[in-house]
Amino acid sequence: MKAIYLGPSHTPDGIFVFFPKEKVLYGNCILKEQLGNLDFADVAEYPRTLQKLKQLNLGFTTIVAGHWSALHGPELIDQYLKLLATNHGNVRASQPK
């Protein structure tokens, strides 16, 4: 098992958990099928964090999402990037506290 922090996303401190033998990535609240509540999200960094995840090439075949439907394939990352890009004007980034 490997905990991975790649930067701000849904929250400033969200992590992924990778299970290499099972080829499973737990996406926490970072990856899900809908945008959800982005009050604490860093919408500027969120896409960069997801791109870093893709660049790791971990080889997972399943993503366990933090909300809504639990099981997804690796395509969930691109789907969420698209949601962020499509709705960028409709969400606001949290200001540092």
PDB file of N, CA and C in Angstrom:
ATOM      1  N   MET A   1       0.852  -1.161   0.000  1.00  0.00           N
ATOM      2  CA  MET A   1       0.000   0.000   0.000  1.00  0.00           C
ATOM      3  C   MET A   1       0.905   1.233   0.000  1.00  0.00           C
ATOM      4  N   LYS A   2       0.481   2.255  -0.738  1.00  0.00           N
ATOM      5  CA  LYS A   2       1.283   3.466  -0.845  1.00  0.00           C
ATOM      6  C   LYS A   2       0.352   4.684  -0.790  1.00  0.00           C
ATOM      7  N   ALA A   3       0.568   5.575   0.167  1.00  0.00           N
ATOM      8  CA  ALA A   3      -0.183   6.828   0.244  1.00  0.00           C
ATOM      9  C   ALA A   3       0.552   7.854  -0.619  1.00  0.00           C
ATOM     10  N   ILE A   4      -0.210   8.609  -1.409  1.00  0.00           N
ATOM     11  CA  ILE A   4       0.384   9.541  -2.366  1.00  0.00           C
ATOM     12  C   ILE A   4      -0.262  10.911  -2.231  1.00  0.00           C
ATOM     13  N   TYR A   5       0.563  11.898  -1.932  1.00  0.00           N
ATOM     14  CA  TYR A   5       0.117  13.294  -1.940  1.00  0.00           C
ATOM     15  C   TYR A   5       0.747  13.979  -3.142  1.00  0.00           C
ATOM     16  N   LEU A   6      -0.093  14.580  -3.998  1.00  0.00           N
ATOM     17  CA  LEU A   6       0.413  15.213  -5.216  1.00  0.00           C
ATOM     18  C   LEU A   6       0.118  16.704  -5.288  1.00  0.00           C
ATOM     19  N   GLY A   7      -0.540  17.226  -4.269  1.00  0.00           N
ATOM     20  CA  GLY A   7      -0.858  18.649  -4.251  1.00  0.00           C
ATOM     21  C   GLY A   7      -2.317  18.884  -3.929  1.00  0.00           C
ATOM     22  N   PRO A   8      -2.694  20.154  -3.819  1.00  0.00           N
ATOM     23  CA  PRO A   8      -4.080  20.503  -3.497  1.00  0.00           C
ATOM     24  C   PRO A   8      -5.044  20.013  -4.575  1.00  0.00           C
ATOM     25  N   SER A   9      -6.232  19.716  -4.148  1.00  0.00           N
ATOM     26  CA  SER A   9      -7.288  19.285  -5.074  1.00  0.00           C
ATOM     27  C   SER A   9      -8.634  19.596  -4.430  1.00  0.00           C
ATOM     28  N   HIS A  10      -9.380  18.570  -4.099  1.00  0.00           N
ATOM     29  CA  HIS A  10     -10.684  18.757  -3.440  1.00  0.00           C
ATOM     30  C   HIS A  10     -10.520  19.452  -2.087  1.00  0.00           C
ATOM     31  N   THR A  11      -9.438  19.135  -1.423  1.00  0.00           N
ATOM     32  CA  THR A  11      -9.037  19.793  -0.181  1.00  0.00           C
ATOM     33  C   THR A  11      -7.529  20.030  -0.271  1.00  0.00           C
ATOM     34  N   PRO A  12      -6.981  20.848   0.599  1.00  0.00           N
ATOM     35  CA  PRO A  12      -5.537  21.093   0.535  1.00  0.00           C
ATOM     36  C   PRO A  12      -4.687  19.872   0.856  1.00  0.00           C
ATOM     37  N   ASP A  13      -5.266  18.896   1.572  1.00  0.00           N
ATOM     38  CA  ASP A  13      -4.464  17.790   2.084  1.00  0.00           C
ATOM     39  C   ASP A  13      -4.915  16.399   1.633  1.00  0.00           C
ATOM     40  N   GLY A  14      -5.719  16.314   0.599  1.00  0.00           N
ATOM     41  CA  GLY A  14      -6.223  15.015   0.152  1.00  0.00           C
ATOM     42  C   GLY A  14      -5.130  14.117  -0.393  1.00  0.00           C
ATOM     43  N   ILE A  15      -5.237  12.831  -0.097  1.00  0.00           N
ATOM     44  CA  ILE A  15      -4.260  11.861  -0.594  1.00  0.00           C
ATOM     45  C   ILE A  15      -4.959  10.757  -1.374  1.00  0.00           C
ATOM     46  N   PHE A  16      -4.186  10.116  -2.224  1.00  0.00           N
ATOM     47  CA  PHE A  16      -4.605   8.894  -2.898  1.00  0.00           C
ATOM     48  C   PHE A  16      -3.965   7.735  -2.139  1.00  0.00           C
ATOM     49  N   VAL A  17      -4.580   6.564  -2.228  1.00  0.00           N
ATOM     50  CA  VAL A  17      -3.964   5.360  -1.676  1.00  0.00           C
ATOM     51  C   VAL A  17      -3.934   4.329  -2.802  1.00  0.00           C
ATOM     52  N   PHE A  18      -2.734   3.831  -3.092  1.00  0.00           N
ATOM     53  CA  PHE A  18      -2.536   2.880  -4.178  1.00  0.00           C
ATOM     54  C   PHE A  18      -2.214   1.508  -3.604  1.00  0.00           C
ATOM     55  N   PHE A  19      -2.925   0.510  -4.114  1.00  0.00           N
ATOM     56  CA  PHE A  19      -2.716  -0.889  -3.740  1.00  0.00           C
ATOM     57  C   PHE A  19      -2.149  -1.603  -4.964  1.00  0.00           C
ATOM     58  N   PRO A  20      -0.818  -1.670  -5.081  1.00  0.00           N
ATOM     59  CA  PRO A  20      -0.197  -2.181  -6.311  1.00  0.00           C
ATOM     60  C   PRO A  20      -0.553  -3.623  -6.667  1.00  0.00           C
ATOM     61  N   LYS A  21      -0.597  -4.529  -5.702  1.00  0.00           N
ATOM     62  CA  LYS A  21      -0.910  -5.931  -6.013  1.00  0.00           C
ATOM     63  C   LYS A  21      -2.308  -6.066  -6.592  1.00  0.00           C
ATOM     64  N   GLU A  22      -3.234  -5.268  -6.074  1.00  0.00           N
ATOM     65  CA  GLU A  22      -4.622  -5.327  -6.513  1.00  0.00           C
ATOM     66  C   GLU A  22      -4.887  -4.423  -7.718  1.00  0.00           C
ATOM     67  N   LYS A  23      -3.925  -3.550  -8.039  1.00  0.00           N
ATOM     68  CA  LYS A  23      -4.054  -2.560  -9.115  1.00  0.00           C
ATOM     69  C   LYS A  23      -5.257  -1.645  -8.879  1.00  0.00           C
ATOM     70  N   VAL A  24      -5.401  -1.211  -7.620  1.00  0.00           N
ATOM     71  CA  VAL A  24      -6.520  -0.376  -7.201  1.00  0.00           C
ATOM     72  C   VAL A  24      -5.990   0.942  -6.650  1.00  0.00           C
ATOM     73  N   LEU A  25      -6.647   2.030  -7.051  1.00  0.00           N
ATOM     74  CA  LEU A  25      -6.354   3.355  -6.511  1.00  0.00           C
ATOM     75  C   LEU A  25      -7.580   3.839  -5.758  1.00  0.00           C
ATOM     76  N   TYR A  26      -7.409   4.174  -4.495  1.00  0.00           N
ATOM     77  CA  TYR A  26      -8.484   4.815  -3.748  1.00  0.00           C
ATOM     78  C   TYR A  26      -8.356   6.303  -4.013  1.00  0.00           C
ATOM     79  N   GLY A  27      -9.400   6.879  -4.576  1.00  0.00           N
ATOM     80  CA  GLY A  27      -9.366   8.277  -4.997  1.00  0.00           C
ATOM     81  C   GLY A  27      -9.815   9.267  -3.952  1.00  0.00           C
ATOM     82  N   ASN A  28     -10.232   8.759  -2.761  1.00  0.00           N
ATOM     83  CA  ASN A  28     -10.673   9.661  -1.706  1.00  0.00           C
ATOM     84  C   ASN A  28     -11.788  10.539  -2.267  1.00  0.00           C
ATOM     85  N   CYS A  29     -11.920  11.757  -1.808  1.00  0.00           N
ATOM     86  CA  CYS A  29     -12.913  12.691  -2.346  1.00  0.00           C
ATOM     87  C   CYS A  29     -12.370  13.416  -3.575  1.00  0.00           C
ATOM     88  N   ILE A  30     -11.127  13.115  -3.938  1.00  0.00           N
ATOM     89  CA  ILE A  30     -10.488  13.775  -5.066  1.00  0.00           C
ATOM     90  C   ILE A  30     -11.110  13.326  -6.382  1.00  0.00           C
ATOM     91  N   LEU A  31     -11.430  12.049  -6.488  1.00  0.00           N
ATOM     92  CA  LEU A  31     -11.996  11.497  -7.720  1.00  0.00           C
ATOM     93  C   LEU A  31     -13.377  10.937  -7.452  1.00  0.00           C
ATOM     94  N   LYS A  32     -14.315  11.424  -8.241  1.00  0.00           N
ATOM     95  CA  LYS A  32     -15.705  10.981  -8.136  1.00  0.00           C
ATOM     96  C   LYS A  32     -16.396  11.298  -9.444  1.00  0.00           C
ATOM     97  N   GLU A  33     -17.614  10.846  -9.612  1.00  0.00           N
ATOM     98  CA  GLU A  33     -18.279  11.028 -10.905  1.00  0.00           C
ATOM     99  C   GLU A  33     -18.960  12.381 -11.073  1.00  0.00           C
ATOM    100  N   GLN A  34     -19.071  13.155 -10.003  1.00  0.00           N
ATOM    101  CA  GLN A  34     -19.645  14.498 -10.071  1.00  0.00           C
ATOM    102  C   GLN A  34     -18.713  15.462  -9.356  1.00  0.00           C
ATOM    103  N   LEU A  35     -18.842  16.757  -9.659  1.00  0.00           N
ATOM    104  CA  LEU A  35     -17.974  17.735  -9.024  1.00  0.00           C
ATOM    105  C   LEU A  35     -18.147  17.769  -7.516  1.00  0.00           C
ATOM    106  N   GLY A  36     -19.372  17.745  -7.060  1.00  0.00           N
ATOM    107  CA  GLY A  36     -19.620  17.818  -5.626  1.00  0.00           C
ATOM    108  C   GLY A  36     -19.328  19.204  -5.070  1.00  0.00           C
ATOM    109  N   ASN A  37     -19.179  19.279  -3.778  1.00  0.00           N
ATOM    110  CA  ASN A  37     -18.929  20.534  -3.072  1.00  0.00           C
ATOM    111  C   ASN A  37     -17.463  20.925  -3.237  1.00  0.00           C
ATOM    112  N   LEU A  38     -17.233  22.063  -3.845  1.00  0.00           N
ATOM    113  CA  LEU A  38     -15.865  22.526  -4.077  1.00  0.00           C
ATOM    114  C   LEU A  38     -15.506  23.728  -3.213  1.00  0.00           C
ATOM    115  N   ASP A  39     -16.219  23.922  -2.103  1.00  0.00           N
ATOM    116  CA  ASP A  39     -15.949  25.070  -1.233  1.00  0.00           C
ATOM    117  C   ASP A  39     -14.510  25.120  -0.736  1.00  0.00           C
ATOM    118  N   PHE A  40     -13.893  23.978  -0.516  1.00  0.00           N
ATOM    119  CA  PHE A  40     -12.523  23.942  -0.003  1.00  0.00           C
ATOM    120  C   PHE A  40     -11.517  23.524  -1.071  1.00  0.00           C
ATOM    121  N   ALA A  41     -11.983  23.420  -2.308  1.00  0.00           N
ATOM    122  CA  ALA A  41     -11.120  22.968  -3.397  1.00  0.00           C
ATOM    123  C   ALA A  41     -10.232  24.095  -3.911  1.00  0.00           C
ATOM    124  N   ASP A  42      -9.074  23.717  -4.379  1.00  0.00           N
ATOM    125  CA  ASP A  42      -8.192  24.646  -5.077  1.00  0.00           C
ATOM    126  C   ASP A  42      -8.377  24.338  -6.557  1.00  0.00           C
ATOM    127  N   VAL A  43      -9.345  25.011  -7.187  1.00  0.00           N
ATOM    128  CA  VAL A  43      -9.700  24.666  -8.561  1.00  0.00           C
ATOM    129  C   VAL A  43      -8.597  24.996  -9.557  1.00  0.00           C
ATOM    130  N   ALA A  44      -7.669  25.851  -9.195  1.00  0.00           N
ATOM    131  CA  ALA A  44      -6.530  26.135 -10.070  1.00  0.00           C
ATOM    132  C   ALA A  44      -5.535  24.976 -10.038  1.00  0.00           C
ATOM    133  N   GLU A  45      -5.295  24.410  -8.862  1.00  0.00           N
ATOM    134  CA  GLU A  45      -4.321  23.324  -8.718  1.00  0.00           C
ATOM    135  C   GLU A  45      -4.910  21.943  -8.974  1.00  0.00           C
ATOM    136  N   TYR A  46      -6.205  21.804  -8.807  1.00  0.00           N
ATOM    137  CA  TYR A  46      -6.862  20.497  -8.940  1.00  0.00           C
ATOM    138  C   TYR A  46      -6.470  19.786 -10.237  1.00  0.00           C
ATOM    139  N   PRO A  47      -6.611  20.431 -11.399  1.00  0.00           N
ATOM    140  CA  PRO A  47      -6.229  19.741 -12.639  1.00  0.00           C
ATOM    141  C   PRO A  47      -4.743  19.373 -12.676  1.00  0.00           C
ATOM    142  N   ARG A  48      -3.902  20.214 -12.137  1.00  0.00           N
ATOM    143  CA  ARG A  48      -2.458  19.910 -12.115  1.00  0.00           C
ATOM    144  C   ARG A  48      -2.178  18.674 -11.259  1.00  0.00           C
ATOM    145  N   THR A  49      -2.868  18.581 -10.146  1.00  0.00           N
ATOM    146  CA  THR A  49      -2.719  17.415  -9.270  1.00  0.00           C
ATOM    147  C   THR A  49      -3.132  16.141  -9.994  1.00  0.00           C
ATOM    148  N   LEU A  50      -4.233  16.205 -10.718  1.00  0.00           N
ATOM    149  CA  LEU A  50      -4.694  15.024 -11.459  1.00  0.00           C
ATOM    150  C   LEU A  50      -3.744  14.674 -12.603  1.00  0.00           C
ATOM    151  N   GLN A  51      -3.160  15.673 -13.235  1.00  0.00           N
ATOM    152  CA  GLN A  51      -2.175  15.404 -14.290  1.00  0.00           C
ATOM    153  C   GLN A  51      -0.939  14.720 -13.702  1.00  0.00           C
ATOM    154  N   LYS A  52      -0.524  15.142 -12.521  1.00  0.00           N
ATOM    155  CA  LYS A  52       0.607  14.489 -11.848  1.00  0.00           C
ATOM    156  C   LYS A  52       0.297  13.021 -11.588  1.00  0.00           C
ATOM    157  N   LEU A  53      -0.938  12.743 -11.185  1.00  0.00           N
ATOM    158  CA  LEU A  53      -1.351  11.365 -10.953  1.00  0.00           C
ATOM    159  C   LEU A  53      -1.226  10.548 -12.233  1.00  0.00           C
ATOM    160  N   LYS A  54      -1.712  11.099 -13.337  1.00  0.00           N
ATOM    161  CA  LYS A  54      -1.617  10.394 -14.611  1.00  0.00           C
ATOM    162  C   LYS A  54      -0.163  10.131 -14.986  1.00  0.00           C
ATOM    163  N   GLN A  55       0.716  11.087 -14.736  1.00  0.00           N
ATOM    164  CA  GLN A  55       2.124  10.964 -15.106  1.00  0.00           C
ATOM    165  C   GLN A  55       2.865   9.883 -14.307  1.00  0.00           C
ATOM    166  N   LEU A  56       2.314   9.498 -13.162  1.00  0.00           N
ATOM    167  CA  LEU A  56       2.937   8.433 -12.368  1.00  0.00           C
ATOM    168  C   LEU A  56       2.840   7.064 -13.048  1.00  0.00           C
ATOM    169  N   ASN A  57       1.866   6.917 -13.950  1.00  0.00           N
ATOM    170  CA  ASN A  57       1.678   5.643 -14.662  1.00  0.00           C
ATOM    171  C   ASN A  57       1.694   4.450 -13.706  1.00  0.00           C
ATOM    172  N   LEU A  58       0.826   4.492 -12.714  1.00  0.00           N
ATOM    173  CA  LEU A  58       0.814   3.456 -11.687  1.00  0.00           C
ATOM    174  C   LEU A  58       0.278   2.107 -12.171  1.00  0.00           C
ATOM    175  N   GLY A  59      -0.484   2.101 -13.250  1.00  0.00           N
ATOM    176  CA  GLY A  59      -0.988   0.837 -13.776  1.00  0.00           C
ATOM    177  C   GLY A  59      -2.210   0.294 -13.067  1.00  0.00           C
ATOM    178  N   PHE A  60      -2.949   1.146 -12.362  1.00  0.00           N
ATOM    179  CA  PHE A  60      -4.164   0.656 -11.706  1.00  0.00           C
ATOM    180  C   PHE A  60      -5.248   0.428 -12.749  1.00  0.00           C
ATOM    181  N   THR A  61      -6.117  -0.517 -12.443  1.00  0.00           N
ATOM    182  CA  THR A  61      -7.228  -0.826 -13.344  1.00  0.00           C
ATOM    183  C   THR A  61      -8.560  -0.414 -12.747  1.00  0.00           C
ATOM    184  N   THR A  62      -8.562  -0.134 -11.447  1.00  0.00           N
ATOM    185  CA  THR A  62      -9.782   0.246 -10.747  1.00  0.00           C
ATOM    186  C   THR A  62      -9.516   1.458  -9.870  1.00  0.00           C
ATOM    187  N   ILE A  63     -10.475   2.391  -9.889  1.00  0.00           N
ATOM    188  CA  ILE A  63     -10.457   3.524  -8.966  1.00  0.00           C
ATOM    189  C   ILE A  63     -11.667   3.388  -8.056  1.00  0.00           C
ATOM    190  N   VAL A  64     -11.428   3.483  -6.761  1.00  0.00           N
ATOM    191  CA  VAL A  64     -12.516   3.527  -5.788  1.00  0.00           C
ATOM    192  C   VAL A  64     -12.743   5.002  -5.481  1.00  0.00           C
ATOM    193  N   ALA A  65     -13.928   5.492  -5.855  1.00  0.00           N
ATOM    194  CA  ALA A  65     -14.265   6.905  -5.691  1.00  0.00           C
ATOM    195  C   ALA A  65     -14.760   7.187  -4.281  1.00  0.00           C
ATOM    196  N   GLY A  66     -14.611   8.434  -3.871  1.00  0.00           N
ATOM    197  CA  GLY A  66     -15.003   8.836  -2.530  1.00  0.00           C
ATOM    198  C   GLY A  66     -16.490   9.075  -2.350  1.00  0.00           C
ATOM    199  N   HIS A  67     -17.215   9.298  -3.439  1.00  0.00           N
ATOM    200  CA  HIS A  67     -18.658   9.565  -3.362  1.00  0.00           C
ATOM    201  C   HIS A  67     -19.344   8.976  -4.591  1.00  0.00           C
ATOM    202  N   TRP A  68     -20.652   8.863  -4.515  1.00  0.00           N
ATOM    203  CA  TRP A  68     -21.496   8.331  -5.571  1.00  0.00           C
ATOM    204  C   TRP A  68     -21.102   6.897  -5.880  1.00  0.00           C
ATOM    205  N   SER A  69     -21.087   6.486  -7.133  1.00  0.00           N
ATOM    206  CA  SER A  69     -20.720   5.109  -7.461  1.00  0.00           C
ATOM    207  C   SER A  69     -19.275   4.845  -7.055  1.00  0.00           C
ATOM    208  N   ALA A  70     -19.053   3.712  -6.449  1.00  0.00           N
ATOM    209  CA  ALA A  70     -17.736   3.439  -5.867  1.00  0.00           C
ATOM    210  C   ALA A  70     -16.678   3.031  -6.884  1.00  0.00           C
ATOM    211  N   LEU A  71     -17.009   2.163  -7.825  1.00  0.00           N
ATOM    212  CA  LEU A  71     -15.994   1.575  -8.684  1.00  0.00           C
ATOM    213  C   LEU A  71     -15.993   2.175 -10.081  1.00  0.00           C
ATOM    214  N   HIS A  72     -14.782   2.514 -10.530  1.00  0.00           N
ATOM    215  CA  HIS A  72     -14.592   3.109 -11.855  1.00  0.00           C
ATOM    216  C   HIS A  72     -13.295   2.597 -12.443  1.00  0.00           C
ATOM    217  N   GLY A  73     -13.136   2.809 -13.737  1.00  0.00           N
ATOM    218  CA  GLY A  73     -11.873   2.518 -14.403  1.00  0.00           C
ATOM    219  C   GLY A  73     -10.993   3.752 -14.391  1.00  0.00           C
ATOM    220  N   PRO A  74      -9.782   3.632 -14.903  1.00  0.00           N
ATOM    221  CA  PRO A  74      -8.841   4.751 -14.926  1.00  0.00           C
ATOM    222  C   PRO A  74      -9.347   5.969 -15.699  1.00  0.00           C
ATOM    223  N   GLU A  75     -10.324   5.761 -16.564  1.00  0.00           N
ATOM    224  CA  GLU A  75     -10.881   6.877 -17.345  1.00  0.00           C
ATOM    225  C   GLU A  75     -11.559   7.927 -16.462  1.00  0.00           C
ATOM    226  N   LEU A  76     -11.825   7.591 -15.210  1.00  0.00           N
ATOM    227  CA  LEU A  76     -12.446   8.554 -14.298  1.00  0.00           C
ATOM    228  C   LEU A  76     -11.597   9.817 -14.150  1.00  0.00           C
ATOM    229  N   ILE A  77     -10.295   9.682 -14.251  1.00  0.00           N
ATOM    230  CA  ILE A  77      -9.421  10.854 -14.122  1.00  0.00           C
ATOM    231  C   ILE A  77      -9.711  11.848 -15.236  1.00  0.00           C
ATOM    232  N   ASP A  78      -9.749  11.376 -16.477  1.00  0.00           N
ATOM    233  CA  ASP A  78     -10.041  12.275 -17.601  1.00  0.00           C
ATOM    234  C   ASP A  78     -11.460  12.816 -17.531  1.00  0.00           C
ATOM    235  N   GLN A  79     -12.389  12.005 -17.066  1.00  0.00           N
ATOM    236  CA  GLN A  79     -13.773  12.473 -16.922  1.00  0.00           C
ATOM    237  C   GLN A  79     -13.841  13.617 -15.905  1.00  0.00           C
ATOM    238  N   TYR A  80     -13.108  13.478 -14.808  1.00  0.00           N
ATOM    239  CA  TYR A  80     -13.140  14.529 -13.790  1.00  0.00           C
ATOM    240  C   TYR A  80     -12.419  15.781 -14.276  1.00  0.00           C
ATOM    241  N   LEU A  81     -11.325  15.612 -14.998  1.00  0.00           N
ATOM    242  CA  LEU A  81     -10.640  16.768 -15.588  1.00  0.00           C
ATOM    243  C   LEU A  81     -11.578  17.527 -16.512  1.00  0.00           C
ATOM    244  N   LYS A  82     -12.374  16.792 -17.269  1.00  0.00           N
ATOM    245  CA  LYS A  82     -13.343  17.428 -18.173  1.00  0.00           C
ATOM    246  C   LYS A  82     -14.410  18.181 -17.376  1.00  0.00           C
ATOM    247  N   LEU A  83     -14.897  17.581 -16.291  1.00  0.00           N
ATOM    248  CA  LEU A  83     -15.875  18.265 -15.438  1.00  0.00           C
ATOM    249  C   LEU A  83     -15.302  19.572 -14.898  1.00  0.00           C
ATOM    250  N   LEU A  84     -14.060  19.529 -14.433  1.00  0.00           N
ATOM    251  CA  LEU A  84     -13.426  20.739 -13.913  1.00  0.00           C
ATOM    252  C   LEU A  84     -13.282  21.792 -14.997  1.00  0.00           C
ATOM    253  N   ALA A  85     -12.860  21.391 -16.184  1.00  0.00           N
ATOM    254  CA  ALA A  85     -12.664  22.344 -17.285  1.00  0.00           C
ATOM    255  C   ALA A  85     -13.987  22.933 -17.754  1.00  0.00           C
ATOM    256  N   THR A  86     -15.007  22.094 -17.856  1.00  0.00           N
ATOM    257  CA  THR A  86     -16.312  22.526 -18.342  1.00  0.00           C
ATOM    258  C   THR A  86     -16.983  23.483 -17.366  1.00  0.00           C
ATOM    259  N   ASN A  87     -16.752  23.280 -16.083  1.00  0.00           N
ATOM    260  CA  ASN A  87     -17.433  24.066 -15.054  1.00  0.00           C
ATOM    261  C   ASN A  87     -16.528  25.071 -14.367  1.00  0.00           C
ATOM    262  N   HIS A  88     -15.350  25.309 -14.936  1.00  0.00           N
ATOM    263  CA  HIS A  88     -14.372  26.191 -14.290  1.00  0.00           C
ATOM    264  C   HIS A  88     -14.970  27.559 -13.944  1.00  0.00           C
ATOM    265  N   GLY A  89     -15.757  28.124 -14.817  1.00  0.00           N
ATOM    266  CA  GLY A  89     -16.348  29.429 -14.548  1.00  0.00           C
ATOM    267  C   GLY A  89     -17.442  29.406 -13.498  1.00  0.00           C
ATOM    268  N   ASN A  90     -17.945  28.225 -13.182  1.00  0.00           N
ATOM    269  CA  ASN A  90     -19.048  28.097 -12.241  1.00  0.00           C
ATOM    270  C   ASN A  90     -18.603  27.715 -10.837  1.00  0.00           C
ATOM    271  N   VAL A  91     -17.299  27.509 -10.640  1.00  0.00           N
ATOM    272  CA  VAL A  91     -16.794  27.145  -9.316  1.00  0.00           C
ATOM    273  C   VAL A  91     -15.764  28.178  -8.890  1.00  0.00           C
ATOM    274  N   ARG A  92     -15.591  28.306  -7.586  1.00  0.00           N
ATOM    275  CA  ARG A  92     -14.631  29.265  -7.100  1.00  0.00           C
ATOM    276  C   ARG A  92     -13.577  28.547  -6.274  1.00  0.00           C
ATOM    277  N   ALA A  93     -12.384  29.045  -6.335  1.00  0.00           N
ATOM    278  CA  ALA A  93     -11.312  28.460  -5.525  1.00  0.00           C
ATOM    279  C   ALA A  93     -11.409  29.019  -4.121  1.00  0.00           C
ATOM    280  N   SER A  94     -11.126  28.184  -3.156  1.00  0.00           N
ATOM    281  CA  SER A  94     -11.083  28.645  -1.770  1.00  0.00           C
ATOM    282  C   SER A  94      -9.852  29.518  -1.577  1.00  0.00           C
ATOM    283  N   GLN A  95      -9.991  30.512  -0.792  1.00  0.00           N
ATOM    284  CA  GLN A  95      -8.868  31.367  -0.453  1.00  0.00           C
ATOM    285  C   GLN A  95      -8.127  30.749   0.718  1.00  0.00           C
ATOM    286  N   PRO A  96      -6.800  30.859   0.736  1.00  0.00           N
ATOM    287  CA  PRO A  96      -6.060  30.335   1.895  1.00  0.00           C
ATOM    288  C   PRO A  96      -6.552  30.979   3.176  1.00  0.00           C
ATOM    289  N   LYS A  97      -6.625  30.183   4.209  1.00  0.00           N
ATOM    290  CA  LYS A  97      -7.134  30.675   5.485  1.00  0.00           C
ATOM    291  C   LYS A  97      -6.004  30.907   6.441  1.00  0.00           C
TER     292      LYS A  97
END
